[in-house]
Each structure stands twice: as structure tokens, then as C-alpha cells.
Amino acid sequence: MLLAIDVGNTNTVIGLFDNKELHESWRIKTDAGETADELALKFKGLLHGEPAVTGISLCSTVPAVLHQYRLMCHRYYQEIPTVIVEPGIKTGVPILTDNPKEVGADRIVNTLAAHTLYGGPCIVVDFGTSTNLDVVSAKGEFLGGALAPGIEISLDALASRAAQLRKVELVAPRSVVGKNTVEALQAGAIYGFAGQVDGLVDRIIEEIGPVTAVIATGGLSPIVVPESRTITVEETNLTLIGLALLFDKNNQST
């Protein structure tokens, strides 16, 4: 069984693969203060009763947390092949940006998974702490993209700056014309972010031409996808799938 771990700024998504099939998945809060030993205890609880882990594939956008995961793998899983997405790892994804070192590991992994599943050119829309639009060429190259504040971080900022506004449940309101503060905030968040994504996708397609797919992923994708006219497919486990593909690329004999 392959253990795939995607460490994000807000949440960590964990998947357990049986061959190429996702057997189980979990989403937990990312805690920058957790030690390697605390992480090991958490994983022991999650994996209790599951088949033995025979490989680990890991990416992280949080350097401090990555260090603790590295220690955990070394201390508790040292006999198991481990792939960490970092310079020197075989990804098969050329990065055609001004400074490839700036590109987050999750964006590289998503590029690999998107091109493998849907060909290219294509666009990945990752709804997380930030909303990332990543552009993949017909050859599977990472061309760059657009970054915007995520839905939750935007609502948090609004609630902290406006005394009469507050955090609300992220569900579609009765109408785009909100009849109260809660519905007005929900309309602005959900329809507003759907419109933002559609506008950016339209501009990207104007620039690069037709695409094979616009793929939504990330924990908040189910909220926006129904309201978007440009997203063509939803794959919430895209990063986990990419991590599994990456593990295979670097462990062909396992």
C-alpha cells in the first residue's frame, strides 16, 4: 500500500493506494507546531487496521512541516521507499517559468496528474488556501498560471476588517441578490469566486488556445464547481493521484 501525503498550508490530505486505486483518504488540519513523533502517533491512529504501508510519496508547501515529516519518515518508516517532491526528484514535468524553484511542489504534482489523466493543454484550478490556476502544455510542461486569495482566507479577512460582517457557512444562497447579510456574503463568495475563475480561464484560453479540460481540485472545489461555466471536470484527489504517479516514476523496480 502506498501512503500519499499532500501537506498544504491549511489542511493535509492523506491517501492510501492499493496498486493504482485510492483505497482510503483523510483530510486533517496542518499544524506547523507538530513534532515528528506527534505526526507518527497521528498516522498510527489513521492507519490502524489498514494493510501495511510499503511506500510513501510526500509533497509539502510548508517548509517547517516538511522537516518534521522528513524526520518522521526517517525514524518510523526508514525501511520503506520514500519519495519527497524536491529538487533532484524525477517528475517528468519541465517547468517553463522564470524561476522554477519558486513553483510549489503541489503544482508540479498536479501538472503530472492532469496531463496523465486528461492530456493537454489543460488548466488545473486548485481551490485551497489560495486559488491556483495552473496551465499545462500539450507536452505536459508547466507553463505558469495565476494565483488569487482563497475563498476562506478572503472571508476571514473580510470578517476581521468589517465590524458588522462575520464568517458564514459556504453554501449557495437562495438568490444572487442576498436578502440578508449572510446570504449577501454567501453570494459574493460563491458566485464571485466562480466568476473570477471563469474570467481567468477565458483569458488563459484566449492566450494559449483550446484546452482538453479545465480540472477542479482542492477541498473547496465542490462549492464552486456547480456555479462555474468553464470547469469541465472535478477531481478532488488530483494531487494524491499525482503523488502515486510520481512514486512509480522514482521506484520502477518496487
Protein backbone atom coordinates (compact mmCIF):
# COMPACT_ATOMS: atom_id res chain seq x y z
CA MET A 1 0.00 0.00 0.00
CA LEU A 2 1.30 3.45 -0.94
CA LEU A 3 0.81 6.28 1.54
CA ALA A 4 0.46 9.63 -0.31
CA ILE A 5 0.69 12.81 1.78
CA ASP A 6 -0.11 16.30 0.48
CA VAL A 7 0.80 18.91 3.13
CA GLY A 8 -0.91 22.23 2.45
CA ASN A 9 -0.92 25.49 4.38
CA THR A 10 -4.34 24.81 5.93
CA ASN A 11 -5.02 21.09 5.54
CA THR A 12 -3.06 17.92 4.93
CA VAL A 13 -4.66 15.38 2.59
CA ILE A 14 -3.66 11.75 3.00
CA GLY A 15 -4.40 8.88 0.66
CA LEU A 16 -3.78 5.14 0.82
CA PHE A 17 -3.40 3.47 -2.58
CA ASP A 18 -3.81 -0.21 -3.31
CA ASN A 19 -1.82 -0.56 -6.55
CA LYS A 20 -3.23 2.35 -8.59
CA GLU A 21 -6.60 2.59 -6.84
CA LEU A 22 -7.28 5.01 -3.98
CA HIS A 23 -8.31 2.75 -1.11
CA GLU A 24 -8.90 5.37 1.60
CA SER A 25 -8.33 9.09 2.17
CA TRP A 26 -8.33 11.55 5.05
CA ARG A 27 -8.16 15.34 5.46
CA ILE A 28 -6.60 16.72 8.65
CA LYS A 29 -5.53 20.17 9.83
CA THR A 30 -1.93 21.17 9.13
CA ASP A 31 -0.24 22.09 12.41
CA ALA A 32 3.14 23.75 11.99
CA GLY A 33 3.94 23.04 15.65
CA GLU A 34 3.62 19.25 15.50
CA THR A 35 6.76 17.21 16.02
CA ALA A 36 7.78 14.11 14.08
CA ASP A 37 6.74 11.91 17.00
CA GLU A 38 3.30 13.54 17.19
CA LEU A 39 2.85 13.04 13.46
CA ALA A 40 3.80 9.38 13.80
CA LEU A 41 1.16 8.89 16.51
CA LYS A 42 -1.46 10.55 14.30
CA PHE A 43 -0.62 8.29 11.36
CA LYS A 44 -0.62 5.23 13.58
CA GLY A 45 -4.21 6.05 14.53
CA LEU A 46 -5.33 6.70 10.96
CA LEU A 47 -3.68 3.57 9.60
CA HIS A 48 -4.82 1.26 12.40
CA GLY A 49 -6.50 -1.77 10.84
CA GLU A 50 -5.29 -0.91 7.32
CA PRO A 51 -2.84 -3.05 5.31
CA ALA A 52 0.85 -2.36 5.87
CA VAL A 53 2.35 0.67 4.14
CA THR A 54 5.02 -0.32 1.60
CA GLY A 55 5.87 3.13 0.19
CA ILE A 56 5.45 6.84 0.92
CA SER A 57 5.08 9.75 -1.51
CA LEU A 58 5.06 13.22 0.02
CA CYS A 59 4.84 16.87 -1.03
CA SER A 60 4.62 19.95 1.15
CA THR A 61 4.20 23.71 0.69
CA VAL A 62 5.17 24.34 4.34
CA PRO A 63 8.96 24.04 4.89
CA ALA A 64 8.80 23.72 8.69
CA VAL A 65 6.26 20.93 8.50
CA LEU A 66 8.20 19.20 5.72
CA HIS A 67 11.21 18.99 8.05
CA GLN A 68 9.14 17.16 10.68
CA TYR A 69 7.65 14.80 8.09
CA ARG A 70 11.15 14.05 6.88
CA LEU A 71 12.18 13.17 10.44
CA MET A 72 9.06 11.03 10.89
CA CYS A 73 9.79 9.06 7.71
CA HIS A 74 13.41 8.55 8.74
CA ARG A 75 12.58 7.44 12.28
CA TYR A 76 9.42 5.38 11.79
CA TYR A 77 9.44 4.33 8.12
CA GLN A 78 13.14 4.08 7.32
CA GLU A 79 12.80 0.63 5.72
CA ILE A 80 10.12 1.85 3.30
CA PRO A 81 10.89 3.55 -0.05
CA THR A 82 10.04 7.23 0.32
CA VAL A 83 9.73 9.91 -2.36
CA ILE A 84 9.66 13.57 -1.30
CA VAL A 85 8.94 16.13 -4.01
CA GLU A 86 12.02 18.35 -4.04
CA PRO A 87 14.91 19.21 -6.39
CA GLY A 88 16.51 16.05 -7.75
CA ILE A 89 13.31 14.02 -7.85
CA LYS A 90 12.27 12.68 -11.24
CA THR A 91 8.92 14.31 -12.07
CA GLY A 92 8.83 14.28 -15.86
CA VAL A 93 7.44 17.83 -15.70
CA PRO A 94 9.54 20.56 -17.38
CA ILE A 95 8.93 23.86 -15.57
CA LEU A 96 8.91 26.72 -18.08
CA THR A 97 8.85 29.67 -15.67
CA ASP A 98 11.34 32.42 -14.87
CA ASN A 99 12.37 30.75 -11.61
CA PRO A 100 11.38 27.05 -11.41
CA LYS A 101 12.44 26.91 -7.74
CA GLU A 102 9.50 29.19 -6.87
CA VAL A 103 6.91 26.70 -8.09
CA GLY A 104 5.17 24.83 -5.28
CA ALA A 105 5.56 21.06 -5.17
CA ASP A 106 1.79 20.57 -5.26
CA ARG A 107 1.53 22.49 -8.55
CA ILE A 108 4.13 20.22 -10.15
CA VAL A 109 2.35 17.11 -8.88
CA ASN A 110 -1.00 18.42 -10.15
CA THR A 111 0.53 19.07 -13.56
CA LEU A 112 1.75 15.48 -13.80
CA ALA A 113 -1.63 14.07 -12.77
CA ALA A 114 -3.66 16.38 -15.02
CA HIS A 115 -1.63 15.64 -18.13
CA THR A 116 -1.62 11.90 -17.42
CA LEU A 117 -5.39 11.79 -16.94
CA TYR A 118 -6.62 14.38 -19.45
CA GLY A 119 -3.79 15.17 -21.83
CA GLY A 120 -3.09 18.75 -22.76
CA PRO A 121 -3.08 21.60 -23.00
CA CYS A 122 -5.23 21.81 -19.90
CA ILE A 123 -5.87 24.02 -16.88
CA VAL A 124 -5.88 22.95 -13.23
CA VAL A 125 -7.92 25.03 -10.78
CA ASP A 126 -6.90 24.20 -7.22
CA PHE A 127 -9.22 25.60 -4.54
CA GLY A 128 -7.21 25.73 -1.33
CA THR A 129 -5.70 28.38 0.93
CA SER A 130 -5.06 30.18 -2.35
CA THR A 131 -6.89 29.60 -5.61
CA ASN A 132 -4.28 28.40 -8.12
CA LEU A 133 -4.83 28.22 -11.85
CA ASP A 134 -2.02 26.18 -13.41
CA VAL A 135 -1.53 25.88 -17.16
CA VAL A 136 -0.23 22.62 -18.63
CA SER A 137 1.05 22.38 -22.20
CA ALA A 138 0.26 19.66 -24.73
CA LYS A 139 3.64 18.12 -23.85
CA GLY A 140 2.95 18.08 -20.09
CA GLU A 141 5.06 21.16 -19.33
CA PHE A 142 4.17 23.54 -16.51
CA LEU A 143 3.75 26.90 -18.24
CA GLY A 144 2.81 29.04 -15.23
CA GLY A 145 -0.54 30.32 -14.09
CA ALA A 146 -2.44 32.69 -11.84
CA LEU A 147 -2.73 32.86 -8.04
CA ALA A 148 -5.53 34.51 -6.06
CA PRO A 149 -6.54 34.58 -2.39
CA GLY A 150 -8.61 31.53 -1.49
CA ILE A 151 -12.28 31.61 -0.53
CA GLU A 152 -11.82 31.03 3.20
CA ILE A 153 -8.87 33.39 3.59
CA SER A 154 -10.85 36.12 1.79
CA LEU A 155 -13.85 35.68 4.08
CA ASP A 156 -11.58 35.67 7.14
CA ALA A 157 -10.01 38.94 6.03
CA LEU A 158 -13.40 40.50 5.39
CA ALA A 159 -14.75 39.44 8.80
CA SER A 160 -11.66 40.79 10.57
CA ARG A 161 -11.83 44.18 8.82
CA ALA A 162 -15.59 44.85 8.85
CA ALA A 163 -17.22 45.08 12.27
CA GLN A 164 -20.72 44.13 11.08
CA LEU A 165 -19.66 41.21 8.89
CA ARG A 166 -18.86 37.68 10.02
CA LYS A 167 -17.86 34.26 8.78
CA VAL A 168 -20.67 32.32 7.15
CA GLU A 169 -21.30 28.77 6.01
CA LEU A 170 -20.11 28.31 2.44
CA VAL A 171 -23.31 27.16 0.74
CA ALA A 172 -25.18 28.65 -2.20
CA PRO A 173 -27.81 31.19 -1.10
CA ARG A 174 -31.40 31.33 -2.37
CA SER A 175 -30.51 34.05 -4.84
CA VAL A 176 -27.52 36.02 -6.06
CA VAL A 177 -29.40 39.04 -4.67
CA GLY A 178 -28.93 38.38 -0.95
CA LYS A 179 -31.85 39.41 1.27
CA ASN A 180 -29.72 39.47 4.43
CA THR A 181 -26.08 39.79 5.40
CA VAL A 182 -25.44 36.03 5.47
CA GLU A 183 -26.90 35.46 2.01
CA ALA A 184 -25.12 38.51 0.62
CA LEU A 185 -21.77 37.18 1.87
CA GLN A 186 -22.53 33.71 0.50
CA ALA A 187 -23.47 35.14 -2.90
CA GLY A 188 -20.33 37.25 -3.05
CA ALA A 189 -18.11 34.34 -2.07
CA ILE A 190 -19.54 31.53 -4.16
CA TYR A 191 -20.74 33.34 -7.29
CA GLY A 192 -17.91 35.83 -7.04
CA PHE A 193 -15.19 33.18 -6.98
CA ALA A 194 -16.92 31.20 -9.73
CA GLY A 195 -16.91 34.35 -11.84
CA GLN A 196 -13.26 35.01 -11.01
CA VAL A 197 -12.28 31.52 -12.14
CA ASP A 198 -14.37 31.73 -15.31
CA GLY A 199 -12.84 35.10 -16.18
CA LEU A 200 -9.29 33.84 -15.71
CA VAL A 201 -9.95 30.63 -17.64
CA ASP A 202 -11.41 32.65 -20.53
CA ARG A 203 -8.32 34.85 -20.65
CA ILE A 204 -5.95 31.86 -20.49
CA ILE A 205 -7.77 30.14 -23.36
CA GLU A 206 -7.62 33.36 -25.39
CA GLU A 207 -3.85 33.30 -24.89
CA ILE A 208 -2.99 29.60 -25.35
CA GLY A 209 -5.92 28.31 -27.43
CA PRO A 210 -8.40 25.47 -26.79
CA VAL A 211 -7.78 23.06 -23.89
CA THR A 212 -8.69 19.43 -23.35
CA ALA A 213 -10.05 20.04 -19.85
CA VAL A 214 -10.39 22.54 -17.02
CA ILE A 215 -9.89 20.41 -13.91
CA ALA A 216 -11.05 21.49 -10.46
CA THR A 217 -9.41 20.10 -7.36
CA GLY A 218 -8.91 21.02 -3.71
CA GLY A 219 -11.09 20.85 -0.63
CA LEU A 220 -13.33 23.76 -1.64
CA SER A 221 -13.89 22.69 -5.25
CA PRO A 222 -17.36 21.14 -4.60
CA ILE A 223 -18.60 24.58 -3.51
CA VAL A 224 -17.62 26.43 -6.68
CA VAL A 225 -17.81 23.80 -9.43
CA PRO A 226 -21.64 23.78 -9.71
CA GLU A 227 -21.60 27.55 -10.29
CA SER A 228 -18.77 27.63 -12.86
CA ARG A 229 -19.38 27.51 -16.61
CA THR A 230 -15.75 26.81 -17.58
CA ILE A 231 -14.77 23.93 -15.27
CA THR A 232 -15.29 20.68 -17.18
CA VAL A 233 -14.23 18.03 -14.67
CA GLU A 234 -13.80 17.74 -10.90
CA GLU A 235 -11.06 15.54 -9.44
CA THR A 236 -10.71 16.28 -5.74
CA ASN A 237 -7.90 13.72 -5.36
CA LEU A 238 -5.76 15.07 -8.21
CA THR A 239 -2.71 15.77 -6.01
CA LEU A 240 -2.86 12.33 -4.38
CA ILE A 241 -3.07 10.71 -7.82
CA GLY A 242 -0.05 12.75 -8.90
CA LEU A 243 1.91 11.63 -5.85
CA ALA A 244 1.16 8.00 -6.69
CA LEU A 245 2.34 8.55 -10.28
CA LEU A 246 5.47 10.28 -9.01
CA PHE A 247 6.28 7.40 -6.69
CA ASP A 248 6.07 4.98 -9.62
CA LYS A 249 8.40 7.17 -11.69
CA ASN A 250 11.05 7.05 -8.99
CA ASN A 251 10.58 3.41 -7.94
CA GLN A 252 10.09 1.49 -11.16
CA SER A 253 11.50 -1.69 -9.63
CA THR A 254 9.28 -1.67 -6.49
